[in-house]
C-alpha atoms as a PDB file:
ATOM      1  CA  MET A   1     117.274 121.792 100.545  1.00  0.00           C
ATOM      2  CA  GLU A   2     113.686 120.015  99.442  1.00  0.00           C
ATOM      3  CA  PRO A   3     113.050 117.232  97.553  1.00  0.00           C
ATOM      4  CA  ILE A   4     111.711 117.659  93.472  1.00  0.00           C
ATOM      5  CA  GLY A   5     107.943 117.570  94.237  1.00  0.00           C
ATOM      6  CA  LYS A   6     107.828 117.993  97.605  1.00  0.00           C
ATOM      7  CA  LEU A   7     106.555 121.513  96.987  1.00  0.00           C
ATOM      8  CA  ARG A   8     103.815 120.840  94.197  1.00  0.00           C
ATOM      9  CA  HIS A   9     102.671 117.140  96.879  1.00  0.00           C
ATOM     10  CA  GLN A  10     101.849 119.564  99.640  1.00  0.00           C
ATOM     11  CA  SER A  11     100.088 122.233  96.765  1.00  0.00           C
ATOM     12  CA  ILE A  12      97.410 119.201  95.608  1.00  0.00           C
ATOM     13  CA  GLU A  13      97.540 118.124  99.882  1.00  0.00           C
ATOM     14  CA  ASN A  14      96.310 121.616 100.859  1.00  0.00           C
ATOM     15  CA  LEU A  15      93.754 121.667  97.968  1.00  0.00           C
ATOM     16  CA  ILE A  16      92.160 119.306  99.357  1.00  0.00           C
ATOM     17  CA  SER A  17      92.315 118.995 102.661  1.00  0.00           C
ATOM     18  CA  GLN A  18      90.941 122.328 102.467  1.00  0.00           C
ATOM     19  CA  HIS A  19      87.818 120.326 100.778  1.00  0.00           C
ATOM     20  CA  PRO A  20      87.698 117.690 102.942  1.00  0.00           C
ATOM     21  CA  LYS A  21      84.081 117.212 101.977  1.00  0.00           C
ATOM     22  CA  MET A  22      84.793 117.136  98.439  1.00  0.00           C
ATOM     23  CA  THR A  23      82.934 116.261  95.993  1.00  0.00           C
ATOM     24  CA  VAL A  24      83.278 113.962  93.162  1.00  0.00           C
ATOM     25  CA  ARG A  25      81.666 115.990  90.761  1.00  0.00           C
ATOM     26  CA  ALA A  26      84.444 119.355  92.272  1.00  0.00           C
ATOM     27  CA  ALA A  27      87.057 116.321  92.596  1.00  0.00           C
ATOM     28  CA  ILE A  28      86.488 115.932  88.375  1.00  0.00           C
ATOM     29  CA  GLY A  29      86.670 119.428  88.342  1.00  0.00           C
ATOM     30  CA  LEU A  30      90.220 119.664  89.197  1.00  0.00           C
ATOM     31  CA  TRP A  31      90.604 116.391  86.802  1.00  0.00           C
ATOM     32  CA  ASP A  32      89.163 119.580  84.268  1.00  0.00           C
ATOM     33  CA  GLN A  33      91.379 122.486  84.081  1.00  0.00           C
ATOM     34  CA  MET A  34      94.735 120.586  84.732  1.00  0.00           C
ATOM     35  CA  ALA A  35      93.493 118.369  80.962  1.00  0.00           C
ATOM     36  CA  THR A  36      92.271 121.625  79.688  1.00  0.00           C
ATOM     37  CA  GLN A  37      96.430 123.285  80.391  1.00  0.00           C
ATOM     38  CA  ILE A  38      97.483 119.716  79.303  1.00  0.00           C
ATOM     39  CA  ILE A  39      95.994 119.298  75.830  1.00  0.00           C
ATOM     40  CA  ALA A  40      96.794 122.839  75.086  1.00  0.00           C
ATOM     41  CA  ILE A  41     100.663 121.583  75.176  1.00  0.00           C
ATOM     42  CA  VAL A  42     100.074 117.653  74.785  1.00  0.00           C
ATOM     43  CA  GLY A  43      97.703 117.073  72.679  1.00  0.00           C
ATOM     44  CA  GLU A  44      94.330 114.875  73.491  1.00  0.00           C
ATOM     45  CA  ALA A  45      96.600 111.153  73.084  1.00  0.00           C
ATOM     46  CA  GLY A  46      99.355 112.404  75.298  1.00  0.00           C
ATOM     47  CA  PHE A  47      97.453 113.716  78.074  1.00  0.00           C
ATOM     48  CA  ASP A  48      95.104 109.785  77.489  1.00  0.00           C
ATOM     49  CA  SER A  49      98.215 107.642  77.587  1.00  0.00           C
ATOM     50  CA  LEU A  50      99.141 110.142  81.214  1.00  0.00           C
ATOM     51  CA  PHE A  51      95.419 109.701  83.036  1.00  0.00           C
ATOM     52  CA  ALA A  52      95.760 105.723  81.438  1.00  0.00           C
ATOM     53  CA  ARG A  53      99.532 105.478  83.008  1.00  0.00           C
ATOM     54  CA  SER A  54      98.458 107.280  85.934  1.00  0.00           C
ATOM     55  CA  VAL A  55      95.063 104.862  86.352  1.00  0.00           C
ATOM     56  CA  PHE A  56      97.328 101.497  85.709  1.00  0.00           C
ATOM     57  CA  LEU A  57     100.160 102.358  88.511  1.00  0.00           C
ATOM     58  CA  THR A  58      97.215 104.204  91.045  1.00  0.00           C
ATOM     59  CA  GLN A  59      95.419 100.277  90.775  1.00  0.00           C
ATOM     60  CA  SER A  60      97.421  99.267  93.211  1.00  0.00           C
ATOM     61  CA  ARG A  61      96.133 100.641  96.170  1.00  0.00           C
ATOM     62  CA  PHE A  62      93.337 101.663  94.322  1.00  0.00           C
ATOM     63  CA  PRO A  63      91.936  98.238  92.453  1.00  0.00           C
ATOM     64  CA  TRP A  64      88.089  99.898  91.927  1.00  0.00           C
ATOM     65  CA  LEU A  65      89.678 102.185  90.681  1.00  0.00           C
ATOM     66  CA  GLY A  66      90.421 101.751  86.759  1.00  0.00           C
ATOM     67  CA  ALA A  67      87.828  99.624  86.560  1.00  0.00           C
ATOM     68  CA  GLY A  68      86.090 100.637  83.424  1.00  0.00           C
ATOM     69  CA  THR A  69      88.486 102.443  82.275  1.00  0.00           C
ATOM     70  CA  VAL A  70      87.767 103.893  78.964  1.00  0.00           C
ATOM     71  CA  SER A  71      89.244 107.076  77.631  1.00  0.00           C
ATOM     72  CA  HIS A  72      86.167 109.201  76.040  1.00  0.00           C
ATOM     73  CA  PRO A  73      86.433 112.333  74.637  1.00  0.00           C
ATOM     74  CA  GLY A  74      86.099 115.265  74.958  1.00  0.00           C
ATOM     75  CA  ASP A  75      82.910 116.157  78.062  1.00  0.00           C
ATOM     76  CA  GLN A  76      83.334 112.189  78.195  1.00  0.00           C
ATOM     77  CA  ARG A  77      86.625 111.816  79.202  1.00  0.00           C
ATOM     78  CA  PHE A  78      86.458 111.339  83.587  1.00  0.00           C
ATOM     79  CA  ALA A  79      82.750 109.163  83.042  1.00  0.00           C
ATOM     80  CA  ASN A  80      84.393 106.172  84.468  1.00  0.00           C
ATOM     81  CA  LEU A  81      86.778 108.083  86.648  1.00  0.00           C
ATOM     82  CA  LYS A  82      83.538 110.079  87.791  1.00  0.00           C
ATOM     83  CA  ALA A  83      81.476 106.497  88.065  1.00  0.00           C
ATOM     84  CA  ASN A  84      84.168 104.659  89.919  1.00  0.00           C
ATOM     85  CA  LEU A  85      84.904 107.596  93.011  1.00  0.00           C
ATOM     86  CA  GLU A  86      80.980 108.193  93.278  1.00  0.00           C
ATOM     87  CA  SER A  87      80.801 104.249  93.955  1.00  0.00           C
ATOM     88  CA  ASN A  88      82.983 104.382  96.959  1.00  0.00           C
ATOM     89  CA  THR A  89      82.566 106.797 100.894  1.00  0.00           C
ATOM     90  CA  PRO A  90      83.704 109.294  99.946  1.00  0.00           C
ATOM     91  CA  ALA A  91      86.835 109.591 102.467  1.00  0.00           C
ATOM     92  CA  LEU A  92      88.157 106.441  99.637  1.00  0.00           C
ATOM     93  CA  ALA A  93      87.078 108.311  96.819  1.00  0.00           C
ATOM     94  CA  SER A  94      88.893 112.050  98.148  1.00  0.00           C
ATOM     95  CA  GLU A  95      92.307 108.865  99.018  1.00  0.00           C
ATOM     96  CA  ALA A  96      92.290 108.117  95.327  1.00  0.00           C
ATOM     97  CA  ASN A  97      92.068 110.623  93.931  1.00  0.00           C
ATOM     98  CA  HIS A  98      94.556 113.043  96.094  1.00  0.00           C
ATOM     99  CA  MET A  99      96.672 109.326  94.925  1.00  0.00           C
ATOM    100  CA  LEU A 100      95.924 109.778  91.576  1.00  0.00           C
ATOM    101  CA  LEU A 101      96.335 113.289  90.627  1.00  0.00           C
ATOM    102  CA  ILE A 102     100.159 113.273  92.888  1.00  0.00           C
ATOM    103  CA  VAL A 103     100.746 109.860  90.476  1.00  0.00           C
ATOM    104  CA  PHE A 104      99.676 112.276  87.384  1.00  0.00           C
ATOM    105  CA  THR A 105     101.454 115.071  88.167  1.00  0.00           C
ATOM    106  CA  ASP A 106     104.491 113.050  89.387  1.00  0.00           C
ATOM    107  CA  ILE A 107     104.866 111.288  85.831  1.00  0.00           C
ATOM    108  CA  LEU A 108     104.140 114.788  83.869  1.00  0.00           C
ATOM    109  CA  ALA A 109     106.888 116.580  85.858  1.00  0.00           C
ATOM    110  CA  SER A 110     109.373 113.519  85.206  1.00  0.00           C
ATOM    111  CA  LEU A 111     108.937 114.529  81.610  1.00  0.00           C
ATOM    112  CA  ILE A 112     108.654 117.886  81.189  1.00  0.00           C
ATOM    113  CA  GLY A 113     110.289 119.098  84.505  1.00  0.00           C
ATOM    114  CA  GLU A 114     109.165 120.694  88.025  1.00  0.00           C
ATOM    115  CA  PRO A 115     109.337 123.880  87.287  1.00  0.00           C
ATOM    116  CA  LEU A 116     106.676 123.777  83.761  1.00  0.00           C
ATOM    117  CA  THR A 117     104.660 121.052  85.125  1.00  0.00           C
ATOM    118  CA  GLU A 118     103.868 123.810  88.124  1.00  0.00           C
ATOM    119  CA  ARG A 119     103.670 126.720  86.050  1.00  0.00           C
ATOM    120  CA  ILE A 120     100.261 124.003  84.704  1.00  0.00           C
ATOM    121  CA  LEU A 121      98.560 123.392  88.007  1.00  0.00           C
ATOM    122  CA  ASN A 122      99.214 127.281  88.596  1.00  0.00           C
ATOM    123  CA  SER A 123      97.425 127.528  85.191  1.00  0.00           C
ATOM    124  CA  ALA A 124      95.363 125.391  85.766  1.00  0.00           C
ATOM    125  CA  TRP A 125      94.042 125.661  89.848  1.00  0.00           C
ATOM    126  CA  GLY A 126      95.430 129.446  90.050  1.00  0.00           C
ATOM    127  CA  GLY A 127      94.095 131.484  93.165  1.00  0.00           C
ATOM    128  CA  ASP A 128      90.598 130.583  92.728  1.00  0.00           C
ATOM    129  CA  ALA A 129      90.851 126.468  92.215  1.00  0.00           C
ATOM    130  CA  GLN A 130      90.012 125.934  95.504  1.00  0.00           C
ATOM    131  CA  TYR A 131      86.812 128.612  95.567  1.00  0.00           C
ATOM    132  CA  LYS A 132      85.157 126.778  92.477  1.00  0.00           C
ATOM    133  CA  ALA A 133      85.836 123.650  94.950  1.00  0.00           C
ATOM    134  CA  SER A 134      84.621 125.095  97.980  1.00  0.00           C
ATOM    135  CA  LYS A 135      81.457 126.971  96.260  1.00  0.00           C
ATOM    136  CA  ASP A 136      80.295 122.897  94.647  1.00  0.00           C
ATOM    137  CA  PRO A 137      76.645 124.025  93.699  1.00  0.00           C
ATOM    138  CA  ASN A 138      76.045 119.523  94.466  1.00  0.00           C
ATOM    139  CA  PRO A 139      77.741 119.224  98.393  1.00  0.00           C
END
C-alpha cells in the first residue's frame, strides 16, 4: 500500500519536472488556479491561513521565502511570493516553490482528506495545467 500523499507528491513533482525552466509567472499561475478552487470551499481567509502556515513551515529551508509576506486580496494574493521567487535563481525558486506546494497540499490533505484534496488539485491543474505552464508567454 502506498503512503498517503505519495501520488499527490508525485503529481506535483511530475508537473514541475516536465518544466525544469518553469518561470515564476507560470508557478504563480499554478497557485492562482489552486487558490480559485480552494477559496470556493474554505473562503479567502481559510486559504490565506493555509498559505501563511505553509510559507512559515517552508521558511525553515528557504528563509527568504516569507520576506514581506502579507496577505493581499484578489489579484495581488501572491505578490510577495512572486517577488521572493524572482529575487532568487530560477533553480532555487523552483525548488522553493516545489516544497511550498508539497507543504501546502500536505496541510490541506490533513484537514480535508486525501480524496478531496486530489479532486481539488485535479480541478485546478487538470489535464491542461502542464500545457498552461509550458505555454508561459514570458519565458
